[in-house]
């Protein structure tokens, strides 16, 4: 059976390959100003320096959301966030800012061993606020009750191109359709995973095999943007097949179910 995995760029992978894990599968290069809410969550390791581990989404001057599995067990003093970036390996552009993480809060009901990784969401707080500019702007949280059923959405990140495949430094994007919970459950039930109303799934069944877009390792914590002009943060990248083939739906934490928690913290 294929492995179900969270879309985390884990330390072991980085050390083994000596490269950054970052890219959307079957995506295209993002343009400057297209995703000003996108951030790179980075970890410092003595033997490796700073490197990208996950995505994050700016929702306030010093506040971001990411996946809980991205920060669980981490030391906040070894985390930082880079905003305004397009290519993580290029010299900083005029919009980039890199700010240390002061602390983070993991959702109290997150369960890394639970079926379908429930409540996989966390809040990052920065040591100082970002300065908003053309490529650094907060995302709007999807309101309670948002569905986006069968709408086209957009995913972004610096994750792998394929499971175990090549990487790229440039931010990638891919258009992908949001599917219903019942459609998602029909597929994930084969793997013993139960999709709830706290999840949101995307999948392109109509695309030929091998061309379907998908999130992959290194994309965890990044945004699923839906609604008019893709302005609403509908989901936070959580998990899917480790092979990242797009043959199964990618699963996100449904932000509209956590609006009160995010706003209260």
C-alpha atoms as a PDB file:
ATOM      1  CA  UNK A   1       0.000   0.000   0.000  1.00  0.00           C
ATOM      2  CA  UNK A   2       1.219   3.470  -0.784  1.00  0.00           C
ATOM      3  CA  UNK A   3       2.371   5.609   2.100  1.00  0.00           C
ATOM      4  CA  UNK A   4       0.188   8.393   3.402  1.00  0.00           C
ATOM      5  CA  UNK A   5       2.371  11.268   4.537  1.00  0.00           C
ATOM      6  CA  UNK A   6       2.184  14.815   5.744  1.00  0.00           C
ATOM      7  CA  UNK A   7       3.689  17.294   3.291  1.00  0.00           C
ATOM      8  CA  UNK A   8       6.587  18.203   5.587  1.00  0.00           C
ATOM      9  CA  UNK A   9      10.157  18.797   4.463  1.00  0.00           C
ATOM     10  CA  UNK A  10      11.694  16.710   7.239  1.00  0.00           C
ATOM     11  CA  UNK A  11      15.247  17.114   8.506  1.00  0.00           C
ATOM     12  CA  UNK A  12      16.241  13.579   7.516  1.00  0.00           C
ATOM     13  CA  UNK A  13      15.366  14.233   3.877  1.00  0.00           C
ATOM     14  CA  UNK A  14      17.279  17.497   3.808  1.00  0.00           C
ATOM     15  CA  UNK A  15      20.394  16.000   5.368  1.00  0.00           C
ATOM     16  CA  UNK A  16      20.363  13.014   3.054  1.00  0.00           C
ATOM     17  CA  UNK A  17      20.066  15.068  -0.109  1.00  0.00           C
ATOM     18  CA  UNK A  18      21.786  18.284   0.922  1.00  0.00           C
ATOM     19  CA  UNK A  19      19.223  20.432  -0.873  1.00  0.00           C
ATOM     20  CA  UNK A  20      16.117  22.409  -0.089  1.00  0.00           C
ATOM     21  CA  UNK A  21      12.832  20.529  -0.490  1.00  0.00           C
ATOM     22  CA  UNK A  22      10.491  22.943  -2.170  1.00  0.00           C
ATOM     23  CA  UNK A  23       8.100  22.782  -5.107  1.00  0.00           C
ATOM     24  CA  UNK A  24       4.486  22.172  -6.186  1.00  0.00           C
ATOM     25  CA  UNK A  25       4.048  19.095  -8.425  1.00  0.00           C
ATOM     26  CA  UNK A  26       2.988  19.859 -12.023  1.00  0.00           C
ATOM     27  CA  UNK A  27       2.829  23.566 -11.266  1.00  0.00           C
ATOM     28  CA  UNK A  28       4.196  26.690 -12.885  1.00  0.00           C
ATOM     29  CA  UNK A  29       6.391  29.519 -11.695  1.00  0.00           C
ATOM     30  CA  UNK A  30       4.558  32.136  -9.663  1.00  0.00           C
ATOM     31  CA  UNK A  31       4.873  35.790 -10.610  1.00  0.00           C
ATOM     32  CA  UNK A  32       5.966  38.577  -8.292  1.00  0.00           C
ATOM     33  CA  UNK A  33       3.020  40.129  -6.380  1.00  0.00           C
ATOM     34  CA  UNK A  34       0.761  37.144  -7.121  1.00  0.00           C
ATOM     35  CA  UNK A  35       0.912  35.601  -3.634  1.00  0.00           C
ATOM     36  CA  UNK A  36       1.958  38.272  -1.114  1.00  0.00           C
ATOM     37  CA  UNK A  37       0.604  36.208   1.793  1.00  0.00           C
ATOM     38  CA  UNK A  38       2.981  33.286   1.119  1.00  0.00           C
ATOM     39  CA  UNK A  39       5.822  32.776   3.583  1.00  0.00           C
ATOM     40  CA  UNK A  40       8.669  30.321   4.025  1.00  0.00           C
ATOM     41  CA  UNK A  41       9.081  28.788   7.476  1.00  0.00           C
ATOM     42  CA  UNK A  42      12.762  28.036   8.034  1.00  0.00           C
ATOM     43  CA  UNK A  43      14.711  26.027  10.595  1.00  0.00           C
ATOM     44  CA  UNK A  44      18.281  26.525  11.780  1.00  0.00           C
ATOM     45  CA  UNK A  45      20.531  23.532  12.290  1.00  0.00           C
ATOM     46  CA  UNK A  46      24.186  23.808  13.277  1.00  0.00           C
ATOM     47  CA  UNK A  47      25.339  21.485  10.518  1.00  0.00           C
ATOM     48  CA  UNK A  48      23.095  22.930   7.835  1.00  0.00           C
ATOM     49  CA  UNK A  49      22.332  26.565   8.591  1.00  0.00           C
ATOM     50  CA  UNK A  50      18.911  27.970   7.731  1.00  0.00           C
ATOM     51  CA  UNK A  51      16.681  26.041   5.334  1.00  0.00           C
ATOM     52  CA  UNK A  52      13.040  25.905   4.266  1.00  0.00           C
ATOM     53  CA  UNK A  53      10.905  23.290   6.021  1.00  0.00           C
ATOM     54  CA  UNK A  54       7.316  24.414   5.412  1.00  0.00           C
ATOM     55  CA  UNK A  55       5.087  27.086   4.036  1.00  0.00           C
ATOM     56  CA  UNK A  56       3.129  29.537   6.162  1.00  0.00           C
ATOM     57  CA  UNK A  57       0.469  32.155   5.493  1.00  0.00           C
ATOM     58  CA  UNK A  58       0.572  35.740   6.703  1.00  0.00           C
ATOM     59  CA  UNK A  59      -2.710  36.725   8.388  1.00  0.00           C
ATOM     60  CA  UNK A  60      -1.565  39.776  10.392  1.00  0.00           C
ATOM     61  CA  UNK A  61       1.489  42.002  10.897  1.00  0.00           C
ATOM     62  CA  UNK A  62       3.173  39.507  13.222  1.00  0.00           C
ATOM     63  CA  UNK A  63       0.898  36.484  12.859  1.00  0.00           C
ATOM     64  CA  UNK A  64       0.917  33.547  10.458  1.00  0.00           C
ATOM     65  CA  UNK A  65      -0.829  30.211  10.227  1.00  0.00           C
ATOM     66  CA  UNK A  66       0.898  26.973   9.292  1.00  0.00           C
ATOM     67  CA  UNK A  67       0.421  23.245   9.815  1.00  0.00           C
ATOM     68  CA  UNK A  68       0.796  21.919  13.362  1.00  0.00           C
ATOM     69  CA  UNK A  69       3.047  19.103  12.175  1.00  0.00           C
ATOM     70  CA  UNK A  70       5.502  21.712  10.869  1.00  0.00           C
ATOM     71  CA  UNK A  71       6.291  23.049  14.338  1.00  0.00           C
ATOM     72  CA  UNK A  72       5.503  20.198  16.702  1.00  0.00           C
ATOM     73  CA  UNK A  73       8.641  19.413  18.705  1.00  0.00           C
ATOM     74  CA  UNK A  74      10.516  22.410  17.323  1.00  0.00           C
ATOM     75  CA  UNK A  75      12.353  25.076  19.317  1.00  0.00           C
ATOM     76  CA  UNK A  76      10.910  28.496  18.439  1.00  0.00           C
ATOM     77  CA  UNK A  77      14.344  30.103  18.845  1.00  0.00           C
ATOM     78  CA  UNK A  78      15.511  28.092  15.832  1.00  0.00           C
ATOM     79  CA  UNK A  79      12.646  29.140  13.574  1.00  0.00           C
ATOM     80  CA  UNK A  80      12.280  32.161  11.336  1.00  0.00           C
ATOM     81  CA  UNK A  81       9.897  33.308   8.617  1.00  0.00           C
ATOM     82  CA  UNK A  82      10.787  34.799   5.252  1.00  0.00           C
ATOM     83  CA  UNK A  83       8.092  36.891   3.576  1.00  0.00           C
ATOM     84  CA  UNK A  84       8.094  38.681   0.235  1.00  0.00           C
ATOM     85  CA  UNK A  85      10.348  36.082  -1.382  1.00  0.00           C
ATOM     86  CA  UNK A  86       9.907  34.557  -4.812  1.00  0.00           C
ATOM     87  CA  UNK A  87      13.171  32.642  -5.177  1.00  0.00           C
ATOM     88  CA  UNK A  88      14.698  31.451  -1.906  1.00  0.00           C
ATOM     89  CA  UNK A  89      18.186  31.095  -3.381  1.00  0.00           C
ATOM     90  CA  UNK A  90      18.411  34.468  -5.124  1.00  0.00           C
ATOM     91  CA  UNK A  91      19.755  37.569  -3.371  1.00  0.00           C
ATOM     92  CA  UNK A  92      16.931  39.248  -1.412  1.00  0.00           C
ATOM     93  CA  UNK A  93      14.569  41.364  -3.495  1.00  0.00           C
ATOM     94  CA  UNK A  94      13.280  44.776  -2.415  1.00  0.00           C
ATOM     95  CA  UNK A  95      10.257  43.247  -0.667  1.00  0.00           C
ATOM     96  CA  UNK A  96      11.781  40.406   1.352  1.00  0.00           C
ATOM     97  CA  UNK A  97      11.889  40.399   5.133  1.00  0.00           C
ATOM     98  CA  UNK A  98      13.236  37.697   7.420  1.00  0.00           C
ATOM     99  CA  UNK A  99      11.956  37.763  10.993  1.00  0.00           C
ATOM    100  CA  UNK A 100      12.504  35.357  13.917  1.00  0.00           C
ATOM    101  CA  UNK A 101       9.583  33.408  15.342  1.00  0.00           C
ATOM    102  CA  UNK A 102       8.861  34.532  18.917  1.00  0.00           C
ATOM    103  CA  UNK A 103       6.590  31.594  19.775  1.00  0.00           C
ATOM    104  CA  UNK A 104       3.925  29.367  18.281  1.00  0.00           C
ATOM    105  CA  UNK A 105       0.629  27.842  19.386  1.00  0.00           C
ATOM    106  CA  UNK A 106      -0.431  24.401  18.179  1.00  0.00           C
ATOM    107  CA  UNK A 107      -4.151  23.672  18.119  1.00  0.00           C
ATOM    108  CA  UNK A 108      -4.947  21.923  21.412  1.00  0.00           C
ATOM    109  CA  UNK A 109      -6.796  19.090  19.655  1.00  0.00           C
ATOM    110  CA  UNK A 110      -4.104  18.326  17.100  1.00  0.00           C
ATOM    111  CA  UNK A 111      -3.302  14.617  17.112  1.00  0.00           C
ATOM    112  CA  UNK A 112      -0.366  13.471  14.996  1.00  0.00           C
ATOM    113  CA  UNK A 113      -1.419   9.843  15.490  1.00  0.00           C
ATOM    114  CA  UNK A 114      -5.102  10.455  14.870  1.00  0.00           C
ATOM    115  CA  UNK A 115      -6.927   9.308  11.774  1.00  0.00           C
ATOM    116  CA  UNK A 116      -6.481  11.840   8.945  1.00  0.00           C
ATOM    117  CA  UNK A 117      -4.275  14.143  11.072  1.00  0.00           C
ATOM    118  CA  UNK A 118      -7.087  16.108  12.768  1.00  0.00           C
ATOM    119  CA  UNK A 119      -6.725  19.805  13.637  1.00  0.00           C
ATOM    120  CA  UNK A 120      -3.407  20.164  11.813  1.00  0.00           C
ATOM    121  CA  UNK A 121      -3.052  23.912  12.288  1.00  0.00           C
ATOM    122  CA  UNK A 122      -0.803  26.224  14.294  1.00  0.00           C
ATOM    123  CA  UNK A 123      -0.222  29.951  14.730  1.00  0.00           C
ATOM    124  CA  UNK A 124       3.211  31.566  14.475  1.00  0.00           C
ATOM    125  CA  UNK A 125       3.992  34.843  16.220  1.00  0.00           C
ATOM    126  CA  UNK A 126       6.936  36.922  15.031  1.00  0.00           C
ATOM    127  CA  UNK A 127       9.370  38.827  17.239  1.00  0.00           C
ATOM    128  CA  UNK A 128       8.536  42.013  15.306  1.00  0.00           C
ATOM    129  CA  UNK A 129       5.850  42.911  12.763  1.00  0.00           C
ATOM    130  CA  UNK A 130       6.405  42.733   9.032  1.00  0.00           C
ATOM    131  CA  UNK A 131       6.207  45.875   6.934  1.00  0.00           C
ATOM    132  CA  UNK A 132       3.454  45.543   4.364  1.00  0.00           C
ATOM    133  CA  UNK A 133       4.406  46.221   0.748  1.00  0.00           C
ATOM    134  CA  UNK A 134       3.370  45.093  -2.731  1.00  0.00           C
ATOM    135  CA  UNK A 135       4.633  41.561  -2.112  1.00  0.00           C
ATOM    136  CA  UNK A 136       3.877  41.283   1.615  1.00  0.00           C
ATOM    137  CA  UNK A 137       0.159  41.356   2.441  1.00  0.00           C
ATOM    138  CA  UNK A 138      -2.100  39.307   4.743  1.00  0.00           C
ATOM    139  CA  UNK A 139      -4.541  36.722   3.459  1.00  0.00           C
ATOM    140  CA  UNK A 140      -8.224  36.938   4.335  1.00  0.00           C
ATOM    141  CA  UNK A 141      -9.543  33.954   6.297  1.00  0.00           C
ATOM    142  CA  UNK A 142     -12.418  32.107   4.638  1.00  0.00           C
ATOM    143  CA  UNK A 143     -15.580  32.802   6.666  1.00  0.00           C
ATOM    144  CA  UNK A 144     -17.482  30.146   8.570  1.00  0.00           C
ATOM    145  CA  UNK A 145     -19.660  27.978   6.376  1.00  0.00           C
ATOM    146  CA  UNK A 146     -17.528  28.440   3.263  1.00  0.00           C
ATOM    147  CA  UNK A 147     -17.809  25.515   0.869  1.00  0.00           C
ATOM    148  CA  UNK A 148     -16.059  26.308  -2.433  1.00  0.00           C
ATOM    149  CA  UNK A 149     -17.500  23.018  -3.746  1.00  0.00           C
ATOM    150  CA  UNK A 150     -16.249  22.232  -7.258  1.00  0.00           C
ATOM    151  CA  UNK A 151     -14.601  25.649  -7.534  1.00  0.00           C
ATOM    152  CA  UNK A 152     -11.144  26.127  -8.955  1.00  0.00           C
ATOM    153  CA  UNK A 153      -8.610  27.162  -6.327  1.00  0.00           C
ATOM    154  CA  UNK A 154      -4.858  27.752  -6.321  1.00  0.00           C
ATOM    155  CA  UNK A 155      -2.072  26.129  -4.304  1.00  0.00           C
ATOM    156  CA  UNK A 156       1.425  27.536  -3.848  1.00  0.00           C
ATOM    157  CA  UNK A 157       4.679  26.481  -2.259  1.00  0.00           C
ATOM    158  CA  UNK A 158       8.339  25.595  -2.487  1.00  0.00           C
ATOM    159  CA  UNK A 159       7.783  21.829  -2.258  1.00  0.00           C
ATOM    160  CA  UNK A 160       9.130  18.927  -4.289  1.00  0.00           C
ATOM    161  CA  UNK A 161       8.259  18.400  -7.948  1.00  0.00           C
ATOM    162  CA  UNK A 162       7.570  14.692  -7.313  1.00  0.00           C
ATOM    163  CA  UNK A 163       8.016  12.461  -4.317  1.00  0.00           C
ATOM    164  CA  UNK A 164      11.787  12.032  -4.029  1.00  0.00           C
ATOM    165  CA  UNK A 165      12.319  14.117  -7.145  1.00  0.00           C
ATOM    166  CA  UNK A 166      14.132  17.328  -8.074  1.00  0.00           C
ATOM    167  CA  UNK A 167      13.680  20.623  -6.315  1.00  0.00           C
ATOM    168  CA  UNK A 168      13.578  24.263  -7.346  1.00  0.00           C
ATOM    169  CA  UNK A 169      14.079  27.517  -5.527  1.00  0.00           C
ATOM    170  CA  UNK A 170      11.319  29.495  -7.252  1.00  0.00           C
ATOM    171  CA  UNK A 171       7.814  29.661  -5.760  1.00  0.00           C
ATOM    172  CA  UNK A 172       5.390  27.446  -7.690  1.00  0.00           C
ATOM    173  CA  UNK A 173       1.642  27.605  -8.159  1.00  0.00           C
ATOM    174  CA  UNK A 174      -1.002  25.266  -9.547  1.00  0.00           C
ATOM    175  CA  UNK A 175      -4.709  25.594 -10.251  1.00  0.00           C
ATOM    176  CA  UNK A 176      -6.757  22.748  -8.827  1.00  0.00           C
ATOM    177  CA  UNK A 177     -10.409  21.930  -8.145  1.00  0.00           C
ATOM    178  CA  UNK A 178     -11.940  21.684  -4.701  1.00  0.00           C
ATOM    179  CA  UNK A 179     -13.960  18.466  -4.386  1.00  0.00           C
ATOM    180  CA  UNK A 180     -16.716  17.580  -1.931  1.00  0.00           C
ATOM    181  CA  UNK A 181     -16.096  15.723   1.310  1.00  0.00           C
ATOM    182  CA  UNK A 182     -18.020  12.693   0.024  1.00  0.00           C
ATOM    183  CA  UNK A 183     -15.909  12.595  -3.141  1.00  0.00           C
ATOM    184  CA  UNK A 184     -12.754  12.801  -1.053  1.00  0.00           C
ATOM    185  CA  UNK A 185     -13.918  10.094   1.336  1.00  0.00           C
ATOM    186  CA  UNK A 186     -14.672   7.720  -1.523  1.00  0.00           C
ATOM    187  CA  UNK A 187     -10.981   7.743  -2.386  1.00  0.00           C
ATOM    188  CA  UNK A 188      -9.334   8.021   1.026  1.00  0.00           C
ATOM    189  CA  UNK A 189     -11.515   5.293   2.566  1.00  0.00           C
ATOM    190  CA  UNK A 190      -9.352   2.845   0.616  1.00  0.00           C
ATOM    191  CA  UNK A 191      -6.469   3.929   2.839  1.00  0.00           C
ATOM    192  CA  UNK A 192      -8.459   3.909   6.055  1.00  0.00           C
ATOM    193  CA  UNK A 193      -8.573   7.705   6.285  1.00  0.00           C
ATOM    194  CA  UNK A 194     -11.806   9.459   7.296  1.00  0.00           C
ATOM    195  CA  UNK A 195     -12.250  12.953   5.888  1.00  0.00           C
ATOM    196  CA  UNK A 196     -14.316  15.195   8.173  1.00  0.00           C
ATOM    197  CA  UNK A 197     -15.865  18.647   7.877  1.00  0.00           C
ATOM    198  CA  UNK A 198     -12.602  20.027   9.283  1.00  0.00           C
ATOM    199  CA  UNK A 199     -10.765  18.939   6.124  1.00  0.00           C
ATOM    200  CA  UNK A 200     -10.911  20.348   2.613  1.00  0.00           C
ATOM    201  CA  UNK A 201      -9.749  18.362  -0.423  1.00  0.00           C
ATOM    202  CA  UNK A 202      -8.547  19.250  -3.911  1.00  0.00           C
ATOM    203  CA  UNK A 203      -8.112  16.917  -6.875  1.00  0.00           C
ATOM    204  CA  UNK A 204      -8.009  17.033 -10.689  1.00  0.00           C
ATOM    205  CA  UNK A 205      -9.581  13.769 -11.848  1.00  0.00           C
ATOM    206  CA  UNK A 206      -9.943  15.009 -15.428  1.00  0.00           C
ATOM    207  CA  UNK A 207      -6.217  15.577 -15.954  1.00  0.00           C
ATOM    208  CA  UNK A 208      -4.211  12.694 -17.466  1.00  0.00           C
ATOM    209  CA  UNK A 209      -2.174  10.611 -15.050  1.00  0.00           C
ATOM    210  CA  UNK A 210       1.247  12.137 -14.514  1.00  0.00           C
ATOM    211  CA  UNK A 211       0.058  15.678 -15.166  1.00  0.00           C
ATOM    212  CA  UNK A 212      -2.214  16.190 -12.161  1.00  0.00           C
ATOM    213  CA  UNK A 213      -1.196  19.004  -9.809  1.00  0.00           C
ATOM    214  CA  UNK A 214      -0.471  18.186  -6.182  1.00  0.00           C
ATOM    215  CA  UNK A 215       1.203  19.521  -3.086  1.00  0.00           C
ATOM    216  CA  UNK A 216       4.299  17.630  -1.957  1.00  0.00           C
ATOM    217  CA  UNK A 217       6.961  17.527   0.770  1.00  0.00           C
ATOM    218  CA  UNK A 218       7.958  21.071   1.689  1.00  0.00           C
ATOM    219  CA  UNK A 219       4.527  22.522   0.856  1.00  0.00           C
ATOM    220  CA  UNK A 220       3.031  21.770   4.293  1.00  0.00           C
ATOM    221  CA  UNK A 221       1.571  24.777   6.055  1.00  0.00           C
ATOM    222  CA  UNK A 222       1.129  26.707   2.829  1.00  0.00           C
ATOM    223  CA  UNK A 223      -2.102  28.134   1.433  1.00  0.00           C
ATOM    224  CA  UNK A 224      -5.047  26.855  -0.537  1.00  0.00           C
ATOM    225  CA  UNK A 225      -6.637  30.041  -1.870  1.00  0.00           C
ATOM    226  CA  UNK A 226     -10.201  30.007  -3.213  1.00  0.00           C
ATOM    227  CA  UNK A 227     -13.071  32.380  -3.932  1.00  0.00           C
ATOM    228  CA  UNK A 228     -13.162  35.415  -6.201  1.00  0.00           C
ATOM    229  CA  UNK A 229      -9.652  36.190  -7.453  1.00  0.00           C
ATOM    230  CA  UNK A 230      -8.382  33.502  -5.044  1.00  0.00           C
ATOM    231  CA  UNK A 231      -8.434  35.983  -2.164  1.00  0.00           C
ATOM    232  CA  UNK A 232      -9.720  33.689   0.614  1.00  0.00           C
ATOM    233  CA  UNK A 233      -7.522  31.338   2.634  1.00  0.00           C
ATOM    234  CA  UNK A 234      -9.601  28.168   2.416  1.00  0.00           C
ATOM    235  CA  UNK A 235      -7.047  25.606   3.577  1.00  0.00           C
ATOM    236  CA  UNK A 236      -3.635  24.956   5.086  1.00  0.00           C
ATOM    237  CA  UNK A 237      -1.621  22.228   3.358  1.00  0.00           C
ATOM    238  CA  UNK A 238      -1.663  19.108   5.536  1.00  0.00           C
ATOM    239  CA  UNK A 239      -1.224  15.650   3.991  1.00  0.00           C
ATOM    240  CA  UNK A 240      -1.546  13.309   1.027  1.00  0.00           C
ATOM    241  CA  UNK A 241       0.278  10.479  -0.715  1.00  0.00           C
ATOM    242  CA  UNK A 242       4.044  10.551  -0.205  1.00  0.00           C
ATOM    243  CA  UNK A 243       4.493   9.808  -3.918  1.00  0.00           C
ATOM    244  CA  UNK A 244       2.867  13.175  -4.761  1.00  0.00           C
ATOM    245  CA  UNK A 245       1.565  11.862  -8.081  1.00  0.00           C
ATOM    246  CA  UNK A 246      -1.753  13.697  -7.904  1.00  0.00           C
ATOM    247  CA  UNK A 247      -3.471  10.320  -8.123  1.00  0.00           C
ATOM    248  CA  UNK A 248      -5.243  10.973  -4.830  1.00  0.00           C
ATOM    249  CA  UNK A 249      -6.747  14.159  -3.386  1.00  0.00           C
ATOM    250  CA  UNK A 250      -4.470  16.471  -1.424  1.00  0.00           C
ATOM    251  CA  UNK A 251      -5.934  17.157   2.010  1.00  0.00           C
ATOM    252  CA  UNK A 252      -5.924  20.535   3.754  1.00  0.00           C
ATOM    253  CA  UNK A 253      -7.040  21.809   7.129  1.00  0.00           C
ATOM    254  CA  UNK A 254     -10.286  23.718   6.517  1.00  0.00           C
ATOM    255  CA  UNK A 255      -9.591  27.260   7.733  1.00  0.00           C
ATOM    256  CA  UNK A 256     -13.254  28.278   8.021  1.00  0.00           C
ATOM    257  CA  UNK A 257     -13.608  25.760  10.867  1.00  0.00           C
ATOM    258  CA  UNK A 258     -10.851  27.486  12.840  1.00  0.00           C
ATOM    259  CA  UNK A 259     -11.595  31.180  12.320  1.00  0.00           C
ATOM    260  CA  UNK A 260     -12.642  31.727  15.939  1.00  0.00           C
ATOM    261  CA  UNK A 261      -9.538  29.971  17.256  1.00  0.00           C
ATOM    262  CA  UNK A 262      -7.171  31.897  14.980  1.00  0.00           C
ATOM    263  CA  UNK A 263      -8.771  35.233  15.804  1.00  0.00           C
ATOM    264  CA  UNK A 264      -8.855  34.521  19.555  1.00  0.00           C
ATOM    265  CA  UNK A 265      -5.148  33.702  19.746  1.00  0.00           C
END
